[in-house]
Amino acid sequence: QCSLSQELHLTGMQADGSQLGPAGGRQVAVITGGNRGIGFSIAKRCVEAGFRVVLTARHAPLGRAAAQTLGCDFVELDLDDAASVARCAAALRRRFGYIDVLINNASIKTVHTDLTPFVRKAVAEVNTNFFGTLNVCEALFPLLRSGGRVVNVASSGGHLALLPSEVRLRQFEAADSTLTVPELARLMAEFLHDVAASRSAEHFPGADWPHVYRGWPNTAYGMSKLGQIALTKIHARLLAPRGISVNCCCPGSVATRLNPGGFRTPEQGADTPAWLACQAAGFATGQFFKDRVPAQW
């Protein structure tokens, strides 16, 4: 466990906030989906570490209330709304001019008892968790200063072992080397296309569905998180010349509204994401962490 003074030292911050800049000397950290659960706990940890925290949420009243509780800033952000993403980026640019940390925490997950057709659940989870996160990154990356850190809250559910096909495995393994963002986006869109080819209203897919024959797994949430991890590795390569690190992590099985059966508290789940935000950009990049330790993807 790092102490507050150690964490501040790792990022080059001063405990008295004496670093000069438009934000009053404090580094600016943006946390998406920060109004409750893990995101709220991450925001709390970052406030305690001395960041100028900007909490975002799609429901403005809930987000403002959470920000008021923590004594931090709030900007409305809905990952599924391109106009909202653009407004968020403009508000951050106008208010601060730059950001130092982006923690992509916002995501959705359907519970096992949800009887919504799997096709619809797949579209919702992949569009929000992968494409929504991608859109936020593309909008906010221009605001990141050299030395900045990006932390994506992913999941062990997005492990490469999820892929039953050697062909699919090789495609995603290339995230460490040659896979590009457009190519990854096409793969994720292909997954949704192949799921939709079933034309089924069943809430859980069968082993004979078209996407299974095409090498995809039977979990949309897992695919959305696998896409996030691959995106992390591609972005790490792209942002390295700017001195910006991009890492992702699994918070563990946290008891939240989306995961009522979890055994960790939101505070415990927030530990690794907040810790990564407090590391210098040169500490690591393109890595998947669990409990503050690099883990195999």
C-alpha atoms as a PDB file:
ATOM      1  CA  GLN A   1       0.000   0.000   0.000  1.00  0.00           C
ATOM      2  CA  CYS A   2       1.417   3.387  -0.995  1.00  0.00           C
ATOM      3  CA  SER A   3       1.026   6.257   1.411  1.00  0.00           C
ATOM      4  CA  LEU A   4      -0.441   9.524   0.169  1.00  0.00           C
ATOM      5  CA  SER A   5       2.960  11.192   0.114  1.00  0.00           C
ATOM      6  CA  GLN A   6       4.454   8.275  -1.841  1.00  0.00           C
ATOM      7  CA  GLU A   7       1.631   8.365  -4.398  1.00  0.00           C
ATOM      8  CA  LEU A   8       2.012  12.108  -4.882  1.00  0.00           C
ATOM      9  CA  HIS A   9       5.750  11.673  -5.329  1.00  0.00           C
ATOM     10  CA  LEU A  10       5.239   9.021  -8.012  1.00  0.00           C
ATOM     11  CA  THR A  11       3.275  11.430 -10.170  1.00  0.00           C
ATOM     12  CA  GLY A  12       5.600  14.354  -9.512  1.00  0.00           C
ATOM     13  CA  MET A  13       2.972  16.220  -7.503  1.00  0.00           C
ATOM     14  CA  GLN A  14       3.669  18.213  -4.379  1.00  0.00           C
ATOM     15  CA  ALA A  15       1.756  17.467  -1.196  1.00  0.00           C
ATOM     16  CA  ASP A  16       0.933  21.162  -0.858  1.00  0.00           C
ATOM     17  CA  GLY A  17      -0.373  21.401  -4.425  1.00  0.00           C
ATOM     18  CA  SER A  18       2.370  23.861  -5.379  1.00  0.00           C
ATOM     19  CA  GLN A  19       2.711  22.630  -8.969  1.00  0.00           C
ATOM     20  CA  LEU A  20       1.741  25.521 -11.234  1.00  0.00           C
ATOM     21  CA  GLY A  21      -0.991  25.178 -13.817  1.00  0.00           C
ATOM     22  CA  PRO A  22      -4.499  26.274 -14.838  1.00  0.00           C
ATOM     23  CA  ALA A  23      -6.034  23.897 -12.302  1.00  0.00           C
ATOM     24  CA  GLY A  24      -4.426  25.593  -9.336  1.00  0.00           C
ATOM     25  CA  GLY A  25      -1.393  23.330  -9.252  1.00  0.00           C
ATOM     26  CA  ARG A  26      -3.225  20.006  -8.998  1.00  0.00           C
ATOM     27  CA  GLN A  27      -3.271  17.375 -11.699  1.00  0.00           C
ATOM     28  CA  VAL A  28      -6.686  16.880 -13.285  1.00  0.00           C
ATOM     29  CA  ALA A  29      -8.188  13.390 -13.142  1.00  0.00           C
ATOM     30  CA  VAL A  30     -11.381  12.514 -15.032  1.00  0.00           C
ATOM     31  CA  ILE A  31     -13.374   9.476 -13.866  1.00  0.00           C
ATOM     32  CA  THR A  32     -16.266   8.233 -16.003  1.00  0.00           C
ATOM     33  CA  GLY A  33     -19.271   6.614 -14.349  1.00  0.00           C
ATOM     34  CA  GLY A  34     -18.319   8.131 -11.014  1.00  0.00           C
ATOM     35  CA  ASN A  35     -21.672   8.655  -9.337  1.00  0.00           C
ATOM     36  CA  ARG A  36     -21.774   5.277  -7.556  1.00  0.00           C
ATOM     37  CA  GLY A  37     -20.073   1.935  -6.991  1.00  0.00           C
ATOM     38  CA  ILE A  38     -16.475   1.464  -8.068  1.00  0.00           C
ATOM     39  CA  GLY A  39     -16.372   4.788  -9.916  1.00  0.00           C
ATOM     40  CA  PHE A  40     -17.430   6.758  -6.850  1.00  0.00           C
ATOM     41  CA  SER A  41     -14.785   4.992  -4.765  1.00  0.00           C
ATOM     42  CA  ILE A  42     -12.117   5.680  -7.399  1.00  0.00           C
ATOM     43  CA  ALA A  43     -13.073   9.354  -7.401  1.00  0.00           C
ATOM     44  CA  LYS A  44     -12.895   9.428  -3.602  1.00  0.00           C
ATOM     45  CA  ARG A  45      -9.425   7.878  -3.630  1.00  0.00           C
ATOM     46  CA  CYS A  46      -8.229  10.368  -6.240  1.00  0.00           C
ATOM     47  CA  VAL A  47      -9.585  13.306  -4.244  1.00  0.00           C
ATOM     48  CA  GLU A  48      -7.731  12.007  -1.189  1.00  0.00           C
ATOM     49  CA  ALA A  49      -4.546  11.677  -3.273  1.00  0.00           C
ATOM     50  CA  GLY A  50      -4.674  15.380  -4.145  1.00  0.00           C
ATOM     51  CA  PHE A  51      -6.021  15.353  -7.694  1.00  0.00           C
ATOM     52  CA  ARG A  52      -8.432  17.921  -9.047  1.00  0.00           C
ATOM     53  CA  VAL A  53     -11.123  15.329  -9.747  1.00  0.00           C
ATOM     54  CA  VAL A  54     -13.766  15.628 -12.434  1.00  0.00           C
ATOM     55  CA  LEU A  55     -16.517  13.068 -11.859  1.00  0.00           C
ATOM     56  CA  THR A  56     -18.689  12.273 -14.872  1.00  0.00           C
ATOM     57  CA  ALA A  57     -22.040  10.507 -15.067  1.00  0.00           C
ATOM     58  CA  ARG A  58     -24.854  10.255 -17.598  1.00  0.00           C
ATOM     59  CA  HIS A  59     -27.528  11.149 -15.030  1.00  0.00           C
ATOM     60  CA  ALA A  60     -26.727  14.744 -14.136  1.00  0.00           C
ATOM     61  CA  PRO A  61     -28.638  14.981 -10.815  1.00  0.00           C
ATOM     62  CA  LEU A  62     -26.962  11.832  -9.471  1.00  0.00           C
ATOM     63  CA  GLY A  63     -23.577  12.950 -10.734  1.00  0.00           C
ATOM     64  CA  ARG A  64     -23.845  16.412  -9.214  1.00  0.00           C
ATOM     65  CA  ALA A  65     -24.921  14.940  -5.872  1.00  0.00           C
ATOM     66  CA  ALA A  66     -21.957  12.546  -5.865  1.00  0.00           C
ATOM     67  CA  ALA A  67     -19.536  15.333  -6.795  1.00  0.00           C
ATOM     68  CA  GLN A  68     -20.920  17.540  -4.043  1.00  0.00           C
ATOM     69  CA  THR A  69     -20.406  14.742  -1.542  1.00  0.00           C
ATOM     70  CA  LEU A  70     -16.768  14.384  -2.580  1.00  0.00           C
ATOM     71  CA  GLY A  71     -16.106  18.089  -3.061  1.00  0.00           C
ATOM     72  CA  CYS A  72     -15.059  17.653  -6.686  1.00  0.00           C
ATOM     73  CA  ASP A  73     -16.113  18.876 -10.132  1.00  0.00           C
ATOM     74  CA  PHE A  74     -18.835  17.347 -12.290  1.00  0.00           C
ATOM     75  CA  VAL A  75     -19.353  17.130 -16.046  1.00  0.00           C
ATOM     76  CA  GLU A  76     -22.229  15.248 -17.630  1.00  0.00           C
ATOM     77  CA  LEU A  77     -21.171  12.397 -19.929  1.00  0.00           C
ATOM     78  CA  ASP A  78     -23.210   9.685 -21.635  1.00  0.00           C
ATOM     79  CA  LEU A  79     -20.962   7.210 -23.463  1.00  0.00           C
ATOM     80  CA  ASP A  80     -23.809   6.265 -25.805  1.00  0.00           C
ATOM     81  CA  ASP A  81     -24.370   9.841 -26.984  1.00  0.00           C
ATOM     82  CA  ALA A  82     -21.764  11.283 -29.360  1.00  0.00           C
ATOM     83  CA  ALA A  83     -22.996  14.821 -28.708  1.00  0.00           C
ATOM     84  CA  SER A  84     -22.630  14.309 -24.956  1.00  0.00           C
ATOM     85  CA  VAL A  85     -19.047  13.084 -25.425  1.00  0.00           C
ATOM     86  CA  ALA A  86     -18.244  16.158 -27.516  1.00  0.00           C
ATOM     87  CA  ARG A  87     -19.805  18.496 -24.930  1.00  0.00           C
ATOM     88  CA  CYS A  88     -17.802  16.835 -22.171  1.00  0.00           C
ATOM     89  CA  ALA A  89     -14.544  17.315 -24.065  1.00  0.00           C
ATOM     90  CA  ALA A  90     -15.401  20.951 -24.769  1.00  0.00           C
ATOM     91  CA  ALA A  91     -16.290  21.586 -21.121  1.00  0.00           C
ATOM     92  CA  LEU A  92     -13.002  20.083 -19.915  1.00  0.00           C
ATOM     93  CA  ARG A  93     -11.018  22.093 -22.428  1.00  0.00           C
ATOM     94  CA  ARG A  94     -12.806  25.300 -21.461  1.00  0.00           C
ATOM     95  CA  ARG A  95     -12.555  24.720 -17.709  1.00  0.00           C
ATOM     96  CA  PHE A  96      -9.026  23.291 -17.401  1.00  0.00           C
ATOM     97  CA  GLY A  97      -7.281  23.364 -20.770  1.00  0.00           C
ATOM     98  CA  TYR A  98      -5.827  19.895 -20.187  1.00  0.00           C
ATOM     99  CA  ILE A  99      -6.192  16.693 -18.199  1.00  0.00           C
ATOM    100  CA  ASP A 100      -3.563  14.427 -16.638  1.00  0.00           C
ATOM    101  CA  VAL A 101      -5.512  11.254 -15.888  1.00  0.00           C
ATOM    102  CA  LEU A 102      -8.443   9.558 -17.625  1.00  0.00           C
ATOM    103  CA  ILE A 103     -10.047   6.609 -15.825  1.00  0.00           C
ATOM    104  CA  ASN A 104     -12.555   4.856 -18.073  1.00  0.00           C
ATOM    105  CA  ASN A 105     -14.772   3.191 -15.490  1.00  0.00           C
ATOM    106  CA  ALA A 106     -18.267   3.586 -16.951  1.00  0.00           C
ATOM    107  CA  SER A 107     -19.766   0.382 -18.333  1.00  0.00           C
ATOM    108  CA  ILE A 108     -22.917  -1.723 -18.253  1.00  0.00           C
ATOM    109  CA  LYS A 109     -23.604  -5.387 -17.550  1.00  0.00           C
ATOM    110  CA  THR A 110     -26.857  -7.322 -17.726  1.00  0.00           C
ATOM    111  CA  VAL A 111     -27.696  -9.711 -14.917  1.00  0.00           C
ATOM    112  CA  HIS A 112     -28.259 -13.419 -15.593  1.00  0.00           C
ATOM    113  CA  THR A 113     -31.961 -13.119 -14.801  1.00  0.00           C
ATOM    114  CA  ASP A 114     -32.486 -10.459 -17.471  1.00  0.00           C
ATOM    115  CA  LEU A 115     -34.808 -11.958 -20.101  1.00  0.00           C
ATOM    116  CA  THR A 116     -33.930  -9.377 -22.751  1.00  0.00           C
ATOM    117  CA  PRO A 117     -32.989 -11.132 -26.024  1.00  0.00           C
ATOM    118  CA  PHE A 118     -29.269 -11.854 -26.153  1.00  0.00           C
ATOM    119  CA  VAL A 119     -28.950 -10.004 -29.448  1.00  0.00           C
ATOM    120  CA  ARG A 120     -30.163  -6.789 -27.819  1.00  0.00           C
ATOM    121  CA  LYS A 121     -28.003  -7.308 -24.723  1.00  0.00           C
ATOM    122  CA  ALA A 122     -24.939  -7.860 -26.904  1.00  0.00           C
ATOM    123  CA  VAL A 123     -25.533  -4.636 -28.822  1.00  0.00           C
ATOM    124  CA  ALA A 124     -26.006  -2.636 -25.616  1.00  0.00           C
ATOM    125  CA  GLU A 125     -22.961  -4.026 -23.798  1.00  0.00           C
ATOM    126  CA  VAL A 126     -20.535  -3.836 -26.717  1.00  0.00           C
ATOM    127  CA  ASN A 127     -21.731  -0.406 -27.860  1.00  0.00           C
ATOM    128  CA  THR A 128     -21.360   1.100 -24.384  1.00  0.00           C
ATOM    129  CA  ASN A 129     -18.363  -0.752 -22.989  1.00  0.00           C
ATOM    130  CA  PHE A 130     -16.240  -0.865 -26.113  1.00  0.00           C
ATOM    131  CA  PHE A 131     -17.425   1.698 -28.653  1.00  0.00           C
ATOM    132  CA  GLY A 132     -18.467   4.197 -25.969  1.00  0.00           C
ATOM    133  CA  THR A 133     -15.078   3.935 -24.278  1.00  0.00           C
ATOM    134  CA  LEU A 134     -13.361   4.306 -27.649  1.00  0.00           C
ATOM    135  CA  ASN A 135     -15.347   7.470 -28.402  1.00  0.00           C
ATOM    136  CA  VAL A 136     -14.432   8.982 -25.028  1.00  0.00           C
ATOM    137  CA  CYS A 137     -10.770   8.196 -25.610  1.00  0.00           C
ATOM    138  CA  GLU A 138     -10.754   9.793 -29.045  1.00  0.00           C
ATOM    139  CA  ALA A 139     -12.439  12.920 -27.664  1.00  0.00           C
ATOM    140  CA  LEU A 140     -10.286  13.324 -24.558  1.00  0.00           C
ATOM    141  CA  PHE A 141      -6.858  12.090 -25.667  1.00  0.00           C
ATOM    142  CA  PRO A 142      -6.025  15.468 -27.267  1.00  0.00           C
ATOM    143  CA  LEU A 143      -6.389  17.028 -23.786  1.00  0.00           C
ATOM    144  CA  LEU A 144      -3.883  14.668 -22.113  1.00  0.00           C
ATOM    145  CA  ARG A 145      -0.576  16.252 -21.205  1.00  0.00           C
ATOM    146  CA  SER A 146       2.776  14.514 -21.508  1.00  0.00           C
ATOM    147  CA  GLY A 147       3.172  12.276 -18.478  1.00  0.00           C
ATOM    148  CA  GLY A 148      -0.548  11.544 -18.460  1.00  0.00           C
ATOM    149  CA  ARG A 149      -2.099   8.231 -17.506  1.00  0.00           C
ATOM    150  CA  VAL A 150      -5.071   6.358 -18.924  1.00  0.00           C
ATOM    151  CA  VAL A 151      -6.637   3.586 -16.845  1.00  0.00           C
ATOM    152  CA  ASN A 152      -9.354   1.346 -18.279  1.00  0.00           C
ATOM    153  CA  VAL A 153     -11.408  -0.596 -15.748  1.00  0.00           C
ATOM    154  CA  ALA A 154     -11.770  -3.914 -17.567  1.00  0.00           C
ATOM    155  CA  SER A 155     -12.359  -7.421 -16.236  1.00  0.00           C
ATOM    156  CA  SER A 156     -10.780 -10.864 -16.082  1.00  0.00           C
ATOM    157  CA  GLY A 157     -13.949 -11.841 -17.937  1.00  0.00           C
ATOM    158  CA  GLY A 158     -12.230 -10.422 -21.024  1.00  0.00           C
ATOM    159  CA  HIS A 159      -9.371 -12.933 -20.921  1.00  0.00           C
ATOM    160  CA  LEU A 160      -8.018 -14.193 -24.252  1.00  0.00           C
ATOM    161  CA  ALA A 161      -8.910 -17.729 -23.168  1.00  0.00           C
ATOM    162  CA  LEU A 162     -12.509 -16.676 -23.772  1.00  0.00           C
ATOM    163  CA  LEU A 163     -11.969 -17.079 -27.513  1.00  0.00           C
ATOM    164  CA  PRO A 164     -12.646 -20.652 -28.693  1.00  0.00           C
ATOM    165  CA  SER A 165     -11.072 -20.110 -32.109  1.00  0.00           C
ATOM    166  CA  GLU A 166      -7.333 -20.052 -32.855  1.00  0.00           C
ATOM    167  CA  VAL A 167      -8.018 -17.614 -35.667  1.00  0.00           C
ATOM    168  CA  ARG A 168      -9.812 -15.196 -33.334  1.00  0.00           C
ATOM    169  CA  LEU A 169      -7.107 -15.655 -30.725  1.00  0.00           C
ATOM    170  CA  ARG A 170      -4.382 -14.638 -33.170  1.00  0.00           C
ATOM    171  CA  GLN A 171      -6.414 -11.632 -34.310  1.00  0.00           C
ATOM    172  CA  PHE A 172      -6.697 -10.230 -30.792  1.00  0.00           C
ATOM    173  CA  GLU A 173      -3.193 -11.216 -29.688  1.00  0.00           C
ATOM    174  CA  ALA A 174      -1.943  -8.805 -32.351  1.00  0.00           C
ATOM    175  CA  ALA A 175      -3.104  -5.915 -30.135  1.00  0.00           C
ATOM    176  CA  ASP A 176       0.403  -5.981 -28.658  1.00  0.00           C
ATOM    177  CA  SER A 177       2.038  -5.532 -32.049  1.00  0.00           C
ATOM    178  CA  THR A 178       0.207  -4.782 -35.283  1.00  0.00           C
ATOM    179  CA  LEU A 179      -3.564  -4.584 -34.689  1.00  0.00           C
ATOM    180  CA  THR A 180      -4.948  -1.097 -35.317  1.00  0.00           C
ATOM    181  CA  VAL A 181      -7.925   0.671 -33.756  1.00  0.00           C
ATOM    182  CA  PRO A 182     -10.002   0.513 -36.994  1.00  0.00           C
ATOM    183  CA  GLU A 183      -9.222  -3.204 -37.324  1.00  0.00           C
ATOM    184  CA  LEU A 184     -10.243  -3.839 -33.712  1.00  0.00           C
ATOM    185  CA  ALA A 185     -13.448  -1.855 -34.207  1.00  0.00           C
ATOM    186  CA  ARG A 186     -14.249  -3.975 -37.259  1.00  0.00           C
ATOM    187  CA  LEU A 187     -13.722  -7.170 -35.247  1.00  0.00           C
ATOM    188  CA  MET A 188     -16.090  -5.974 -32.538  1.00  0.00           C
ATOM    189  CA  ALA A 189     -18.669  -4.966 -35.154  1.00  0.00           C
ATOM    190  CA  GLU A 190     -18.254  -8.381 -36.775  1.00  0.00           C
ATOM    191  CA  PHE A 191     -19.061 -10.054 -33.460  1.00  0.00           C
ATOM    192  CA  LEU A 192     -22.306  -8.074 -33.220  1.00  0.00           C
ATOM    193  CA  HIS A 193     -23.153  -8.845 -36.853  1.00  0.00           C
ATOM    194  CA  ASP A 194     -22.624 -12.573 -36.306  1.00  0.00           C
ATOM    195  CA  VAL A 195     -24.707 -12.547 -33.107  1.00  0.00           C
ATOM    196  CA  ALA A 196     -27.527 -10.730 -34.908  1.00  0.00           C
ATOM    197  CA  ALA A 197     -27.490 -13.362 -37.653  1.00  0.00           C
ATOM    198  CA  SER A 198     -29.300 -15.734 -35.294  1.00  0.00           C
ATOM    199  CA  ARG A 199     -32.478 -13.608 -35.533  1.00  0.00           C
ATOM    200  CA  SER A 200     -33.414 -15.179 -32.212  1.00  0.00           C
ATOM    201  CA  ALA A 201     -35.364 -13.670 -29.327  1.00  0.00           C
ATOM    202  CA  GLU A 202     -33.854 -16.095 -26.808  1.00  0.00           C
ATOM    203  CA  HIS A 203     -32.235 -14.457 -23.798  1.00  0.00           C
ATOM    204  CA  PHE A 204     -29.276 -16.864 -23.800  1.00  0.00           C
ATOM    205  CA  PRO A 205     -27.493 -18.069 -26.958  1.00  0.00           C
ATOM    206  CA  GLY A 206     -27.307 -21.680 -27.976  1.00  0.00           C
ATOM    207  CA  ALA A 207     -24.270 -23.690 -29.071  1.00  0.00           C
ATOM    208  CA  ASP A 208     -25.686 -23.778 -32.610  1.00  0.00           C
ATOM    209  CA  TRP A 209     -25.918 -20.010 -33.079  1.00  0.00           C
ATOM    210  CA  PRO A 210     -24.049 -18.561 -36.113  1.00  0.00           C
ATOM    211  CA  HIS A 211     -21.542 -16.558 -34.052  1.00  0.00           C
ATOM    212  CA  VAL A 212     -20.368 -19.743 -32.314  1.00  0.00           C
ATOM    213  CA  TYR A 213     -19.524 -21.346 -35.661  1.00  0.00           C
ATOM    214  CA  ARG A 214     -17.589 -18.198 -36.541  1.00  0.00           C
ATOM    215  CA  GLY A 215     -15.306 -18.502 -33.527  1.00  0.00           C
ATOM    216  CA  TRP A 216     -16.966 -16.155 -31.039  1.00  0.00           C
ATOM    217  CA  PRO A 217     -17.800 -16.882 -27.388  1.00  0.00           C
ATOM    218  CA  ASN A 218     -21.277 -16.878 -25.857  1.00  0.00           C
ATOM    219  CA  THR A 219     -20.710 -13.813 -23.678  1.00  0.00           C
ATOM    220  CA  ALA A 220     -21.243 -10.268 -24.879  1.00  0.00           C
ATOM    221  CA  TYR A 221     -19.969  -8.693 -21.652  1.00  0.00           C
ATOM    222  CA  GLY A 222     -16.788 -10.766 -21.871  1.00  0.00           C
ATOM    223  CA  MET A 223     -16.301  -9.703 -25.494  1.00  0.00           C
ATOM    224  CA  SER A 224     -16.820  -6.045 -24.579  1.00  0.00           C
ATOM    225  CA  LYS A 225     -14.115  -6.298 -21.906  1.00  0.00           C
ATOM    226  CA  LEU A 226     -11.801  -8.275 -24.188  1.00  0.00           C
ATOM    227  CA  GLY A 227     -12.190  -5.416 -26.645  1.00  0.00           C
ATOM    228  CA  GLN A 228     -11.309  -2.901 -23.922  1.00  0.00           C
ATOM    229  CA  ILE A 229      -8.113  -4.762 -23.049  1.00  0.00           C
ATOM    230  CA  ALA A 230      -7.091  -4.989 -26.709  1.00  0.00           C
ATOM    231  CA  LEU A 231      -7.837  -1.274 -27.078  1.00  0.00           C
ATOM    232  CA  THR A 232      -5.626  -0.564 -24.062  1.00  0.00           C
ATOM    233  CA  LYS A 233      -2.680  -2.278 -25.714  1.00  0.00           C
ATOM    234  CA  ILE A 234      -3.166  -0.492 -29.043  1.00  0.00           C
ATOM    235  CA  HIS A 235      -3.531   2.902 -27.371  1.00  0.00           C
ATOM    236  CA  ALA A 236      -0.423   2.234 -25.280  1.00  0.00           C
ATOM    237  CA  ARG A 237       1.556   1.908 -28.513  1.00  0.00           C
ATOM    238  CA  LEU A 238      -0.031   5.003 -30.050  1.00  0.00           C
ATOM    239  CA  LEU A 239       0.432   7.294 -27.035  1.00  0.00           C
ATOM    240  CA  ALA A 240       3.940   6.182 -26.052  1.00  0.00           C
ATOM    241  CA  PRO A 241       5.593   8.904 -28.202  1.00  0.00           C
ATOM    242  CA  ARG A 242       3.666  11.519 -26.162  1.00  0.00           C
ATOM    243  CA  GLY A 243       4.925  10.083 -22.868  1.00  0.00           C
ATOM    244  CA  ILE A 244       1.450   8.869 -21.865  1.00  0.00           C
ATOM    245  CA  SER A 245       0.814   5.456 -20.316  1.00  0.00           C
ATOM    246  CA  VAL A 246      -2.291   3.351 -20.961  1.00  0.00           C
ATOM    247  CA  ASN A 247      -3.064   0.406 -18.682  1.00  0.00           C
ATOM    248  CA  CYS A 248      -6.132  -1.586 -17.704  1.00  0.00           C
ATOM    249  CA  CYS A 249      -7.123  -3.619 -14.694  1.00  0.00           C
ATOM    250  CA  CYS A 250      -9.628  -6.005 -13.180  1.00  0.00           C
ATOM    251  CA  PRO A 251     -11.231  -4.643  -9.997  1.00  0.00           C
ATOM    252  CA  GLY A 252     -12.283  -8.143  -8.923  1.00  0.00           C
ATOM    253  CA  SER A 253     -15.788  -9.362  -8.205  1.00  0.00           C
ATOM    254  CA  VAL A 254     -17.254  -6.260  -6.579  1.00  0.00           C
ATOM    255  CA  ALA A 255     -20.721  -6.171  -5.036  1.00  0.00           C
ATOM    256  CA  THR A 256     -22.523  -3.475  -7.029  1.00  0.00           C
ATOM    257  CA  ARG A 257     -25.938  -2.946  -8.557  1.00  0.00           C
ATOM    258  CA  LEU A 258     -24.687  -4.702 -11.693  1.00  0.00           C
ATOM    259  CA  ASN A 259     -23.039  -7.538  -9.768  1.00  0.00           C
ATOM    260  CA  PRO A 260     -25.029  -8.194  -6.581  1.00  0.00           C
ATOM    261  CA  GLY A 261     -23.211 -11.475  -5.982  1.00  0.00           C
ATOM    262  CA  GLY A 262     -19.766  -9.864  -5.725  1.00  0.00           C
ATOM    263  CA  PHE A 263     -17.621 -10.433  -2.648  1.00  0.00           C
ATOM    264  CA  ARG A 264     -15.456  -7.288  -2.720  1.00  0.00           C
ATOM    265  CA  THR A 265     -16.478  -3.815  -1.613  1.00  0.00           C
ATOM    266  CA  PRO A 266     -16.391  -0.899  -4.081  1.00  0.00           C
ATOM    267  CA  GLU A 267     -13.521   0.526  -2.021  1.00  0.00           C
ATOM    268  CA  GLN A 268     -11.510  -2.660  -2.567  1.00  0.00           C
ATOM    269  CA  GLY A 269     -12.364  -2.656  -6.269  1.00  0.00           C
ATOM    270  CA  ALA A 270     -11.191   0.943  -6.586  1.00  0.00           C
ATOM    271  CA  ASP A 271      -7.740   0.211  -5.166  1.00  0.00           C
ATOM    272  CA  THR A 272      -5.899  -0.868  -8.325  1.00  0.00           C
ATOM    273  CA  PRO A 273      -7.443   1.729 -10.689  1.00  0.00           C
ATOM    274  CA  ALA A 274      -6.678   4.573  -8.260  1.00  0.00           C
ATOM    275  CA  TRP A 275      -3.204   3.181  -7.624  1.00  0.00           C
ATOM    276  CA  LEU A 276      -2.468   3.087 -11.366  1.00  0.00           C
ATOM    277  CA  ALA A 277      -3.577   6.706 -11.662  1.00  0.00           C
ATOM    278  CA  CYS A 278      -0.964   7.609  -9.057  1.00  0.00           C
ATOM    279  CA  GLN A 279       1.966   5.994 -10.864  1.00  0.00           C
ATOM    280  CA  ALA A 280       4.345   7.896 -13.098  1.00  0.00           C
ATOM    281  CA  ALA A 281       3.729   7.351 -16.818  1.00  0.00           C
ATOM    282  CA  GLY A 282       7.053   5.532 -17.120  1.00  0.00           C
ATOM    283  CA  PHE A 283       6.010   2.930 -14.555  1.00  0.00           C
ATOM    284  CA  ALA A 284       4.226   0.648 -17.048  1.00  0.00           C
ATOM    285  CA  THR A 285       2.127   0.809 -20.178  1.00  0.00           C
ATOM    286  CA  GLY A 286       0.028  -1.637 -22.183  1.00  0.00           C
ATOM    287  CA  GLN A 287      -0.384  -3.901 -19.163  1.00  0.00           C
ATOM    288  CA  PHE A 288      -3.335  -5.676 -17.554  1.00  0.00           C
ATOM    289  CA  PHE A 289      -3.256  -5.459 -13.743  1.00  0.00           C
ATOM    290  CA  LYS A 290      -5.065  -7.274 -10.969  1.00  0.00           C
ATOM    291  CA  ASP A 291      -4.501  -6.425  -7.297  1.00  0.00           C
ATOM    292  CA  ARG A 292      -1.658  -4.062  -8.283  1.00  0.00           C
ATOM    293  CA  VAL A 293       0.210  -6.873 -10.056  1.00  0.00           C
ATOM    294  CA  PRO A 294       0.592  -7.394 -13.829  1.00  0.00           C
ATOM    295  CA  ALA A 295      -1.602 -10.324 -14.883  1.00  0.00           C
ATOM    296  CA  GLN A 296      -1.640 -12.484 -17.980  1.00  0.00           C
ATOM    297  CA  TRP A 297      -4.268 -11.486 -20.517  1.00  0.00           C
END
